[in-house]
Amino acid sequence: MFTGLVRERGRVLCVQQGRLVVETSIDAAIGDSISIDGACLTVVDSEPGRLSFDLHDETLARVKSFADHVNVEPALRAGDPLGGHYVQGHVDAVGRVRSAEAEGDGRRVWIDATPDVLRYCVEKGSITVDGVSLTIAALDETGFAVALVPHTLGVTTLGTLAPLDEVNLEVDVLAKYVERLASSA
């Protein structure tokens, strides 16, 4: 489990033959779970400053292509503070940036999403975009907006988002459980 509070931006060294290699200062052991742009991946090789992950066909079918830089967050450990929201690292869909405009010291980013994602979105609710825990600022028929503060812009890859960019989306898992429980009652 993760919180969506990204620890750092990692640099993608290569993606080939089902293997992703990321340059990062995160220290992890083989078998540890790490969120890479919101996808929970298992460390298969660990060297100082470098982590490697195997990419299953299921992962590749659900996530956007890995760019030059990625958001990196190690799994939550017992006793760690819960500062974001519960994030599983299970990407639900890929969204597309509609617009990204300056707003004061921050930016407002509109992201178009599928109906399967939007059904779980509520204003002031939680959403994960490329592994970053965010609050939904507004909704319309085809997407949602998030308001990015300077800190988020500086420590994640979201500061470079531009129209038509793809992003990994994970909806709030609690909303999925509520829907499932309500439909079986």
N, C-alpha and C. Protein backbone atom coordinates (compact mmCIF):
# COMPACT_ATOMS: atom_id res chain seq x y z
N MET A 1 0.84 -1.17 0.00
CA MET A 1 0.00 0.00 0.00
C MET A 1 0.89 1.24 0.00
N PHE A 2 0.36 2.30 -0.59
CA PHE A 2 1.07 3.58 -0.71
C PHE A 2 0.16 4.70 -0.22
N THR A 3 0.70 5.90 -0.16
CA THR A 3 -0.10 7.06 0.23
C THR A 3 -0.26 8.06 -0.90
N GLY A 4 0.51 7.91 -1.97
CA GLY A 4 0.47 8.88 -3.06
C GLY A 4 1.33 10.10 -2.77
N LEU A 5 2.16 10.04 -1.73
CA LEU A 5 3.10 11.12 -1.44
C LEU A 5 4.46 10.70 -2.02
N VAL A 6 4.73 11.20 -3.21
CA VAL A 6 5.91 10.81 -3.98
C VAL A 6 7.17 11.21 -3.24
N ARG A 7 8.12 10.31 -3.16
CA ARG A 7 9.38 10.57 -2.48
C ARG A 7 10.37 11.31 -3.37
N GLU A 8 10.38 10.95 -4.67
CA GLU A 8 11.31 11.62 -5.59
C GLU A 8 10.95 11.32 -7.03
N ARG A 9 11.58 12.08 -7.92
CA ARG A 9 11.51 11.78 -9.35
C ARG A 9 12.71 10.90 -9.68
N GLY A 10 12.43 9.77 -10.29
CA GLY A 10 13.50 8.88 -10.73
C GLY A 10 13.72 9.07 -12.22
N ARG A 11 14.89 8.69 -12.68
CA ARG A 11 15.20 8.78 -14.11
C ARG A 11 15.18 7.38 -14.71
N VAL A 12 14.41 7.21 -15.78
CA VAL A 12 14.33 5.92 -16.45
C VAL A 12 15.61 5.72 -17.26
N LEU A 13 16.32 4.64 -16.93
CA LEU A 13 17.55 4.33 -17.65
C LEU A 13 17.26 3.47 -18.87
N CYS A 14 16.32 2.54 -18.74
CA CYS A 14 15.92 1.75 -19.91
C CYS A 14 14.63 0.99 -19.63
N VAL A 15 13.92 0.71 -20.70
CA VAL A 15 12.76 -0.16 -20.70
C VAL A 15 12.95 -1.07 -21.90
N GLN A 16 13.30 -2.32 -21.62
CA GLN A 16 13.48 -3.25 -22.74
C GLN A 16 13.30 -4.69 -22.28
N GLN A 17 12.76 -5.50 -23.16
CA GLN A 17 12.54 -6.92 -22.92
C GLN A 17 11.86 -7.17 -21.57
N GLY A 18 10.82 -6.37 -21.28
CA GLY A 18 10.04 -6.57 -20.08
C GLY A 18 10.73 -6.16 -18.79
N ARG A 19 11.74 -5.33 -18.88
CA ARG A 19 12.48 -4.88 -17.69
C ARG A 19 12.57 -3.36 -17.69
N LEU A 20 12.24 -2.75 -16.55
CA LEU A 20 12.35 -1.31 -16.34
C LEU A 20 13.47 -1.08 -15.34
N VAL A 21 14.40 -0.18 -15.68
CA VAL A 21 15.51 0.17 -14.79
C VAL A 21 15.42 1.67 -14.51
N VAL A 22 15.39 2.02 -13.20
CA VAL A 22 15.20 3.40 -12.78
C VAL A 22 16.36 3.82 -11.89
N GLU A 23 16.91 5.00 -12.19
CA GLU A 23 17.92 5.61 -11.33
C GLU A 23 17.18 6.36 -10.23
N THR A 24 17.47 6.00 -8.96
CA THR A 24 16.78 6.58 -7.82
C THR A 24 17.65 6.46 -6.58
N SER A 25 17.43 7.35 -5.63
CA SER A 25 18.15 7.25 -4.37
C SER A 25 17.40 6.39 -3.36
N ILE A 26 16.21 5.93 -3.72
CA ILE A 26 15.42 5.08 -2.83
C ILE A 26 16.16 3.76 -2.62
N ASP A 27 16.33 3.39 -1.37
CA ASP A 27 17.00 2.14 -1.02
C ASP A 27 15.93 1.06 -0.86
N ALA A 28 16.04 0.00 -1.62
CA ALA A 28 15.04 -1.07 -1.55
C ALA A 28 15.71 -2.41 -1.76
N ALA A 29 15.11 -3.43 -1.18
CA ALA A 29 15.62 -4.78 -1.31
C ALA A 29 14.84 -5.52 -2.40
N ILE A 30 15.43 -6.57 -2.90
CA ILE A 30 14.73 -7.42 -3.87
C ILE A 30 13.45 -7.93 -3.20
N GLY A 31 12.34 -7.81 -3.91
CA GLY A 31 11.03 -8.22 -3.40
C GLY A 31 10.21 -7.08 -2.84
N ASP A 32 10.84 -5.92 -2.59
CA ASP A 32 10.09 -4.76 -2.10
C ASP A 32 9.15 -4.22 -3.17
N SER A 33 8.03 -3.64 -2.74
CA SER A 33 7.09 -2.97 -3.64
C SER A 33 7.43 -1.49 -3.71
N ILE A 34 7.46 -0.98 -4.93
CA ILE A 34 7.73 0.44 -5.18
C ILE A 34 6.68 0.92 -6.18
N SER A 35 6.11 2.09 -5.93
CA SER A 35 5.19 2.70 -6.90
C SER A 35 6.01 3.51 -7.90
N ILE A 36 5.85 3.16 -9.17
CA ILE A 36 6.51 3.89 -10.27
C ILE A 36 5.39 4.49 -11.12
N ASP A 37 5.25 5.81 -11.07
CA ASP A 37 4.16 6.50 -11.77
C ASP A 37 2.80 5.90 -11.44
N GLY A 38 2.66 5.42 -10.20
CA GLY A 38 1.38 4.91 -9.75
C GLY A 38 1.18 3.42 -9.93
N ALA A 39 2.12 2.72 -10.55
CA ALA A 39 2.02 1.28 -10.73
C ALA A 39 2.88 0.58 -9.69
N CYS A 40 2.29 -0.31 -8.92
CA CYS A 40 3.02 -1.07 -7.91
C CYS A 40 3.86 -2.11 -8.62
N LEU A 41 5.18 -1.97 -8.48
CA LEU A 41 6.11 -2.89 -9.12
C LEU A 41 7.01 -3.52 -8.06
N THR A 42 7.50 -4.72 -8.34
CA THR A 42 8.36 -5.45 -7.42
C THR A 42 9.82 -5.31 -7.83
N VAL A 43 10.66 -4.97 -6.88
CA VAL A 43 12.10 -4.84 -7.15
C VAL A 43 12.67 -6.23 -7.43
N VAL A 44 13.33 -6.38 -8.59
CA VAL A 44 13.96 -7.66 -8.94
C VAL A 44 15.48 -7.56 -8.94
N ASP A 45 16.01 -6.34 -8.92
CA ASP A 45 17.45 -6.13 -8.80
C ASP A 45 17.65 -4.77 -8.15
N SER A 46 18.58 -4.72 -7.21
CA SER A 46 18.82 -3.48 -6.48
C SER A 46 20.32 -3.25 -6.38
N GLU A 47 20.74 -2.11 -6.92
CA GLU A 47 22.12 -1.67 -6.82
C GLU A 47 22.09 -0.25 -6.27
N PRO A 48 23.16 0.23 -5.67
CA PRO A 48 23.15 1.62 -5.20
C PRO A 48 22.79 2.58 -6.33
N GLY A 49 21.71 3.35 -6.12
CA GLY A 49 21.28 4.33 -7.11
C GLY A 49 20.47 3.78 -8.27
N ARG A 50 20.11 2.49 -8.20
CA ARG A 50 19.41 1.88 -9.34
C ARG A 50 18.52 0.73 -8.89
N LEU A 51 17.27 0.74 -9.37
CA LEU A 51 16.34 -0.35 -9.10
C LEU A 51 15.81 -0.89 -10.42
N SER A 52 15.60 -2.21 -10.48
CA SER A 52 15.06 -2.84 -11.68
C SER A 52 13.77 -3.57 -11.34
N PHE A 53 12.86 -3.58 -12.31
CA PHE A 53 11.54 -4.18 -12.14
C PHE A 53 11.20 -4.97 -13.40
N ASP A 54 10.57 -6.13 -13.24
CA ASP A 54 10.02 -6.86 -14.37
C ASP A 54 8.63 -6.30 -14.66
N LEU A 55 8.31 -6.19 -15.94
CA LEU A 55 7.01 -5.66 -16.37
C LEU A 55 6.20 -6.78 -17.01
N HIS A 56 5.13 -7.16 -16.37
CA HIS A 56 4.24 -8.20 -16.88
C HIS A 56 3.37 -7.60 -17.99
N ASP A 57 2.89 -8.44 -18.88
CA ASP A 57 2.00 -7.98 -19.96
C ASP A 57 0.78 -7.25 -19.40
N GLU A 58 0.26 -7.71 -18.25
CA GLU A 58 -0.89 -7.06 -17.62
C GLU A 58 -0.56 -5.62 -17.26
N THR A 59 0.62 -5.40 -16.72
CA THR A 59 1.04 -4.03 -16.37
C THR A 59 1.17 -3.19 -17.63
N LEU A 60 1.85 -3.71 -18.61
CA LEU A 60 2.07 -2.95 -19.86
C LEU A 60 0.75 -2.61 -20.56
N ALA A 61 -0.26 -3.46 -20.40
CA ALA A 61 -1.56 -3.21 -21.03
C ALA A 61 -2.35 -2.12 -20.31
N ARG A 62 -2.03 -1.85 -19.05
CA ARG A 62 -2.83 -0.92 -18.25
C ARG A 62 -2.20 0.44 -18.01
N VAL A 63 -0.91 0.56 -18.19
CA VAL A 63 -0.24 1.82 -17.86
C VAL A 63 0.22 2.54 -19.12
N LYS A 64 0.45 3.85 -18.96
CA LYS A 64 1.02 4.63 -20.05
C LYS A 64 2.48 4.20 -20.25
N SER A 65 3.08 4.60 -21.33
CA SER A 65 4.50 4.32 -21.55
C SER A 65 5.32 5.08 -20.52
N PHE A 66 6.39 4.47 -20.05
CA PHE A 66 7.24 5.14 -19.08
C PHE A 66 8.07 6.21 -19.79
N ALA A 67 8.05 7.43 -19.24
CA ALA A 67 8.76 8.57 -19.83
C ALA A 67 10.19 8.61 -19.28
N ASP A 68 10.88 9.70 -19.56
CA ASP A 68 12.26 9.86 -19.09
C ASP A 68 12.36 9.92 -17.57
N HIS A 69 11.36 10.51 -16.93
CA HIS A 69 11.33 10.63 -15.47
C HIS A 69 10.02 10.08 -14.94
N VAL A 70 10.09 9.48 -13.76
CA VAL A 70 8.91 8.86 -13.15
C VAL A 70 8.82 9.25 -11.68
N ASN A 71 7.61 9.20 -11.14
CA ASN A 71 7.39 9.43 -9.72
C ASN A 71 7.66 8.13 -8.97
N VAL A 72 8.44 8.22 -7.89
CA VAL A 72 8.85 7.03 -7.13
C VAL A 72 8.39 7.17 -5.68
N GLU A 73 7.71 6.12 -5.18
CA GLU A 73 7.31 6.08 -3.78
C GLU A 73 7.47 4.66 -3.26
N PRO A 74 8.24 4.47 -2.17
CA PRO A 74 8.31 3.14 -1.57
C PRO A 74 7.00 2.80 -0.86
N ALA A 75 6.77 1.52 -0.66
CA ALA A 75 5.55 1.09 0.03
C ALA A 75 5.52 1.61 1.46
N LEU A 76 4.32 1.83 1.94
CA LEU A 76 4.08 2.28 3.30
C LEU A 76 4.51 1.19 4.27
N ARG A 77 5.20 1.58 5.31
CA ARG A 77 5.61 0.63 6.36
C ARG A 77 4.78 0.91 7.62
N ALA A 78 4.60 -0.12 8.42
CA ALA A 78 3.85 0.04 9.68
C ALA A 78 4.46 1.18 10.48
N GLY A 79 3.60 2.08 10.93
CA GLY A 79 4.05 3.22 11.72
C GLY A 79 4.32 4.47 10.91
N ASP A 80 4.39 4.36 9.57
CA ASP A 80 4.58 5.54 8.73
C ASP A 80 3.31 6.40 8.78
N PRO A 81 3.46 7.73 8.70
CA PRO A 81 2.27 8.59 8.69
C PRO A 81 1.47 8.43 7.39
N LEU A 82 0.15 8.52 7.52
CA LEU A 82 -0.74 8.46 6.35
C LEU A 82 -1.06 9.90 5.96
N GLY A 83 -0.31 10.44 5.03
CA GLY A 83 -0.51 11.84 4.66
C GLY A 83 -1.33 12.04 3.41
N GLY A 84 -1.39 11.08 2.53
CA GLY A 84 -2.15 11.22 1.29
C GLY A 84 -3.49 10.51 1.46
N HIS A 85 -3.72 9.48 0.64
CA HIS A 85 -4.88 8.61 0.83
C HIS A 85 -4.45 7.19 0.51
N TYR A 86 -5.30 6.22 0.80
CA TYR A 86 -4.95 4.83 0.53
C TYR A 86 -4.81 4.62 -0.97
N VAL A 87 -3.61 4.22 -1.38
CA VAL A 87 -3.31 3.99 -2.79
C VAL A 87 -2.77 2.58 -2.92
N GLN A 88 -3.30 1.81 -3.85
CA GLN A 88 -2.87 0.43 -4.01
C GLN A 88 -1.74 0.27 -5.03
N GLY A 89 -1.64 1.21 -5.95
CA GLY A 89 -0.67 1.02 -7.02
C GLY A 89 -1.24 0.16 -8.14
N HIS A 90 -2.57 0.11 -8.21
CA HIS A 90 -3.26 -0.64 -9.26
C HIS A 90 -3.88 0.38 -10.21
N VAL A 91 -3.24 0.62 -11.31
CA VAL A 91 -3.71 1.63 -12.26
C VAL A 91 -5.04 1.18 -12.85
N ASP A 92 -6.05 2.06 -12.75
CA ASP A 92 -7.38 1.74 -13.27
C ASP A 92 -7.51 2.06 -14.75
N ALA A 93 -6.86 3.13 -15.18
CA ALA A 93 -6.98 3.57 -16.57
C ALA A 93 -5.91 4.61 -16.88
N VAL A 94 -5.78 4.90 -18.15
CA VAL A 94 -4.89 5.97 -18.60
C VAL A 94 -5.78 7.13 -19.02
N GLY A 95 -5.50 8.31 -18.46
CA GLY A 95 -6.23 9.53 -18.83
C GLY A 95 -5.36 10.39 -19.73
N ARG A 96 -5.97 11.45 -20.25
CA ARG A 96 -5.24 12.36 -21.15
C ARG A 96 -5.44 13.80 -20.66
N VAL A 97 -4.34 14.54 -20.58
CA VAL A 97 -4.40 15.93 -20.15
C VAL A 97 -5.13 16.76 -21.21
N ARG A 98 -6.17 17.45 -20.77
CA ARG A 98 -6.93 18.33 -21.64
C ARG A 98 -6.29 19.72 -21.66
N SER A 99 -5.93 20.21 -20.46
CA SER A 99 -5.29 21.52 -20.36
C SER A 99 -4.47 21.59 -19.08
N ALA A 100 -3.48 22.45 -19.09
CA ALA A 100 -2.63 22.69 -17.91
C ALA A 100 -2.29 24.17 -17.93
N GLU A 101 -2.87 24.92 -17.00
CA GLU A 101 -2.70 26.38 -17.02
C GLU A 101 -2.27 26.90 -15.66
N ALA A 102 -1.44 27.93 -15.69
CA ALA A 102 -0.99 28.56 -14.45
C ALA A 102 -2.20 29.10 -13.70
N GLU A 103 -2.12 29.00 -12.37
CA GLU A 103 -3.18 29.51 -11.50
C GLU A 103 -2.49 29.97 -10.21
N GLY A 104 -2.23 31.26 -10.13
CA GLY A 104 -1.44 31.77 -9.01
C GLY A 104 -0.04 31.19 -9.07
N ASP A 105 0.44 30.66 -7.95
CA ASP A 105 1.75 30.01 -7.92
C ASP A 105 1.69 28.56 -8.37
N GLY A 106 0.49 28.04 -8.61
CA GLY A 106 0.32 26.65 -8.98
C GLY A 106 -0.19 26.49 -10.40
N ARG A 107 -0.81 25.35 -10.64
CA ARG A 107 -1.40 25.06 -11.96
C ARG A 107 -2.70 24.30 -11.76
N ARG A 108 -3.63 24.54 -12.67
CA ARG A 108 -4.87 23.76 -12.72
C ARG A 108 -4.75 22.88 -13.96
N VAL A 109 -4.91 21.60 -13.73
CA VAL A 109 -4.79 20.62 -14.81
C VAL A 109 -6.12 19.88 -14.95
N TRP A 110 -6.66 19.90 -16.17
CA TRP A 110 -7.87 19.14 -16.49
C TRP A 110 -7.44 17.86 -17.18
N ILE A 111 -8.01 16.74 -16.73
CA ILE A 111 -7.67 15.42 -17.27
C ILE A 111 -8.95 14.75 -17.74
N ASP A 112 -8.96 14.32 -18.99
CA ASP A 112 -10.09 13.56 -19.51
C ASP A 112 -9.91 12.10 -19.11
N ALA A 113 -11.02 11.47 -18.71
CA ALA A 113 -10.98 10.10 -18.23
C ALA A 113 -12.18 9.33 -18.75
N THR A 114 -12.09 8.03 -18.69
CA THR A 114 -13.19 7.17 -19.14
C THR A 114 -14.34 7.21 -18.13
N PRO A 115 -15.54 6.86 -18.57
CA PRO A 115 -16.68 6.79 -17.65
C PRO A 115 -16.42 5.83 -16.47
N ASP A 116 -15.64 4.76 -16.70
CA ASP A 116 -15.33 3.82 -15.62
C ASP A 116 -14.51 4.46 -14.51
N VAL A 117 -13.77 5.52 -14.81
CA VAL A 117 -13.03 6.27 -13.80
C VAL A 117 -13.91 7.35 -13.21
N LEU A 118 -14.59 8.09 -14.07
CA LEU A 118 -15.39 9.23 -13.61
C LEU A 118 -16.51 8.83 -12.66
N ARG A 119 -17.02 7.62 -12.75
CA ARG A 119 -18.09 7.17 -11.85
C ARG A 119 -17.67 7.19 -10.40
N TYR A 120 -16.35 7.12 -10.14
CA TYR A 120 -15.83 7.14 -8.77
C TYR A 120 -15.31 8.50 -8.34
N CYS A 121 -15.43 9.48 -9.20
CA CYS A 121 -14.89 10.81 -8.90
C CYS A 121 -15.97 11.71 -8.31
N VAL A 122 -15.61 12.40 -7.24
CA VAL A 122 -16.48 13.40 -6.64
C VAL A 122 -15.63 14.62 -6.32
N GLU A 123 -16.25 15.78 -6.40
CA GLU A 123 -15.52 17.00 -6.05
C GLU A 123 -15.05 16.90 -4.60
N LYS A 124 -13.81 17.26 -4.38
CA LYS A 124 -13.11 17.18 -3.09
C LYS A 124 -12.78 15.74 -2.70
N GLY A 125 -12.98 14.79 -3.62
CA GLY A 125 -12.60 13.41 -3.38
C GLY A 125 -11.16 13.18 -3.81
N SER A 126 -10.67 11.98 -3.58
CA SER A 126 -9.28 11.64 -3.89
C SER A 126 -9.15 10.96 -5.25
N ILE A 127 -8.03 11.22 -5.90
CA ILE A 127 -7.65 10.56 -7.15
C ILE A 127 -6.12 10.48 -7.15
N THR A 128 -5.60 9.47 -7.78
CA THR A 128 -4.16 9.35 -7.92
C THR A 128 -3.82 9.55 -9.39
N VAL A 129 -2.92 10.49 -9.67
CA VAL A 129 -2.47 10.79 -11.03
C VAL A 129 -0.96 10.54 -11.07
N ASP A 130 -0.55 9.58 -11.88
CA ASP A 130 0.87 9.18 -11.96
C ASP A 130 1.46 8.93 -10.58
N GLY A 131 0.65 8.33 -9.70
CA GLY A 131 1.12 7.98 -8.38
C GLY A 131 1.04 9.07 -7.35
N VAL A 132 0.52 10.24 -7.72
CA VAL A 132 0.45 11.38 -6.80
C VAL A 132 -0.97 11.50 -6.26
N SER A 133 -1.11 11.52 -4.94
CA SER A 133 -2.40 11.68 -4.29
C SER A 133 -2.86 13.13 -4.46
N LEU A 134 -4.04 13.30 -5.06
CA LEU A 134 -4.57 14.63 -5.33
C LEU A 134 -6.04 14.71 -4.95
N THR A 135 -6.50 15.95 -4.80
CA THR A 135 -7.90 16.21 -4.53
C THR A 135 -8.56 16.72 -5.81
N ILE A 136 -9.72 16.17 -6.12
CA ILE A 136 -10.44 16.61 -7.31
C ILE A 136 -11.04 17.99 -7.03
N ALA A 137 -10.68 18.96 -7.86
CA ALA A 137 -11.13 20.34 -7.67
C ALA A 137 -12.42 20.64 -8.42
N ALA A 138 -12.65 19.95 -9.51
CA ALA A 138 -13.86 20.17 -10.32
C ALA A 138 -14.09 18.95 -11.21
N LEU A 139 -15.33 18.81 -11.67
CA LEU A 139 -15.72 17.71 -12.57
C LEU A 139 -16.58 18.25 -13.69
N ASP A 140 -16.50 17.59 -14.84
CA ASP A 140 -17.48 17.82 -15.89
C ASP A 140 -17.80 16.47 -16.53
N GLU A 141 -18.47 16.45 -17.65
CA GLU A 141 -18.94 15.19 -18.26
C GLU A 141 -17.82 14.29 -18.73
N THR A 142 -16.65 14.85 -19.05
CA THR A 142 -15.59 14.03 -19.64
C THR A 142 -14.30 13.99 -18.83
N GLY A 143 -14.25 14.72 -17.70
CA GLY A 143 -13.01 14.70 -16.95
C GLY A 143 -13.10 15.41 -15.61
N PHE A 144 -11.94 15.65 -15.05
CA PHE A 144 -11.83 16.29 -13.74
C PHE A 144 -10.62 17.22 -13.74
N ALA A 145 -10.64 18.15 -12.79
CA ALA A 145 -9.53 19.08 -12.63
C ALA A 145 -8.88 18.84 -11.28
N VAL A 146 -7.56 19.06 -11.25
CA VAL A 146 -6.80 19.05 -10.01
C VAL A 146 -6.03 20.35 -9.93
N ALA A 147 -5.88 20.86 -8.72
CA ALA A 147 -5.12 22.10 -8.49
C ALA A 147 -3.78 21.69 -7.89
N LEU A 148 -2.70 22.00 -8.59
CA LEU A 148 -1.37 21.59 -8.17
C LEU A 148 -0.65 22.75 -7.49
N VAL A 149 -0.20 22.53 -6.27
CA VAL A 149 0.52 23.54 -5.51
C VAL A 149 2.00 23.51 -5.90
N PRO A 150 2.75 24.58 -5.62
CA PRO A 150 4.17 24.63 -6.01
C PRO A 150 4.99 23.43 -5.53
N HIS A 151 4.74 22.94 -4.32
CA HIS A 151 5.50 21.79 -3.83
C HIS A 151 5.31 20.58 -4.76
N THR A 152 4.07 20.28 -5.10
CA THR A 152 3.77 19.14 -5.99
C THR A 152 4.43 19.35 -7.35
N LEU A 153 4.37 20.56 -7.86
CA LEU A 153 4.99 20.86 -9.15
C LEU A 153 6.50 20.65 -9.10
N GLY A 154 7.10 20.92 -7.95
CA GLY A 154 8.55 20.84 -7.83
C GLY A 154 9.10 19.45 -7.58
N VAL A 155 8.34 18.59 -6.88
CA VAL A 155 8.90 17.30 -6.49
C VAL A 155 8.35 16.11 -7.28
N THR A 156 7.40 16.35 -8.17
CA THR A 156 6.84 15.27 -8.98
C THR A 156 6.99 15.60 -10.46
N THR A 157 6.61 14.68 -11.29
CA THR A 157 6.64 14.90 -12.74
C THR A 157 5.45 15.71 -13.24
N LEU A 158 4.48 15.99 -12.35
CA LEU A 158 3.26 16.67 -12.79
C LEU A 158 3.51 18.11 -13.24
N GLY A 159 4.62 18.70 -12.85
CA GLY A 159 4.94 20.06 -13.26
C GLY A 159 5.23 20.19 -14.74
N THR A 160 5.47 19.08 -15.40
CA THR A 160 5.78 19.12 -16.84
C THR A 160 4.60 18.71 -17.71
N LEU A 161 3.45 18.43 -17.10
CA LEU A 161 2.29 17.99 -17.89
C LEU A 161 1.86 19.04 -18.90
N ALA A 162 1.51 18.56 -20.09
CA ALA A 162 1.04 19.42 -21.18
C ALA A 162 -0.16 18.75 -21.84
N PRO A 163 -0.98 19.53 -22.54
CA PRO A 163 -2.12 18.94 -23.23
C PRO A 163 -1.71 17.74 -24.09
N LEU A 164 -2.55 16.72 -24.05
CA LEU A 164 -2.43 15.45 -24.75
C LEU A 164 -1.50 14.45 -24.08
N ASP A 165 -0.78 14.85 -23.01
CA ASP A 165 0.04 13.89 -22.27
C ASP A 165 -0.87 12.84 -21.64
N GLU A 166 -0.37 11.62 -21.56
CA GLU A 166 -1.10 10.56 -20.88
C GLU A 166 -0.65 10.47 -19.43
N VAL A 167 -1.59 10.08 -18.56
CA VAL A 167 -1.30 9.91 -17.14
C VAL A 167 -1.98 8.64 -16.63
N ASN A 168 -1.33 7.97 -15.68
CA ASN A 168 -1.93 6.81 -15.02
C ASN A 168 -2.90 7.29 -13.96
N LEU A 169 -4.08 6.67 -13.90
CA LEU A 169 -5.11 7.06 -12.94
C LEU A 169 -5.49 5.88 -12.06
N GLU A 170 -5.62 6.15 -10.77
CA GLU A 170 -6.18 5.18 -9.83
C GLU A 170 -7.22 5.89 -8.99
N VAL A 171 -8.44 5.36 -9.03
CA VAL A 171 -9.51 5.96 -8.24
C VAL A 171 -9.39 5.51 -6.79
N ASP A 172 -10.12 6.19 -5.92
CA ASP A 172 -10.12 5.87 -4.50
C ASP A 172 -10.71 4.48 -4.30
N VAL A 173 -9.93 3.56 -3.76
CA VAL A 173 -10.37 2.18 -3.58
C VAL A 173 -11.57 2.09 -2.64
N LEU A 174 -11.70 3.01 -1.70
CA LEU A 174 -12.84 2.97 -0.78
C LEU A 174 -14.15 3.15 -1.55
N ALA A 175 -14.14 3.96 -2.60
CA ALA A 175 -15.34 4.14 -3.41
C ALA A 175 -15.73 2.84 -4.11
N LYS A 176 -14.74 2.08 -4.55
CA LYS A 176 -15.01 0.79 -5.20
C LYS A 176 -15.66 -0.18 -4.21
N TYR A 177 -15.14 -0.22 -2.98
CA TYR A 177 -15.70 -1.12 -1.97
C TYR A 177 -17.13 -0.73 -1.62
N VAL A 178 -17.39 0.57 -1.48
CA VAL A 178 -18.74 1.03 -1.17
C VAL A 178 -19.69 0.61 -2.28
N GLU A 179 -19.29 0.81 -3.53
CA GLU A 179 -20.15 0.43 -4.65
C GLU A 179 -20.42 -1.08 -4.63
N ARG A 180 -19.40 -1.87 -4.40
CA ARG A 180 -19.55 -3.33 -4.40
C ARG A 180 -20.48 -3.78 -3.27
N LEU A 181 -20.27 -3.23 -2.09
CA LEU A 181 -21.12 -3.58 -0.95
C LEU A 181 -22.56 -3.15 -1.16
N ALA A 182 -22.77 -1.96 -1.71
CA ALA A 182 -24.12 -1.45 -1.94
C ALA A 182 -24.84 -2.28 -3.00
N SER A 183 -24.12 -2.77 -4.01
CA SER A 183 -24.76 -3.52 -5.07
C SER A 183 -25.09 -4.96 -4.64
N SER A 184 -24.43 -5.46 -3.60
CA SER A 184 -24.72 -6.82 -3.15
C SER A 184 -25.72 -6.86 -2.00
N ALA A 185 -26.15 -5.69 -1.57
CA ALA A 185 -27.09 -5.66 -0.44
C ALA A 185 -28.51 -5.91 -0.88
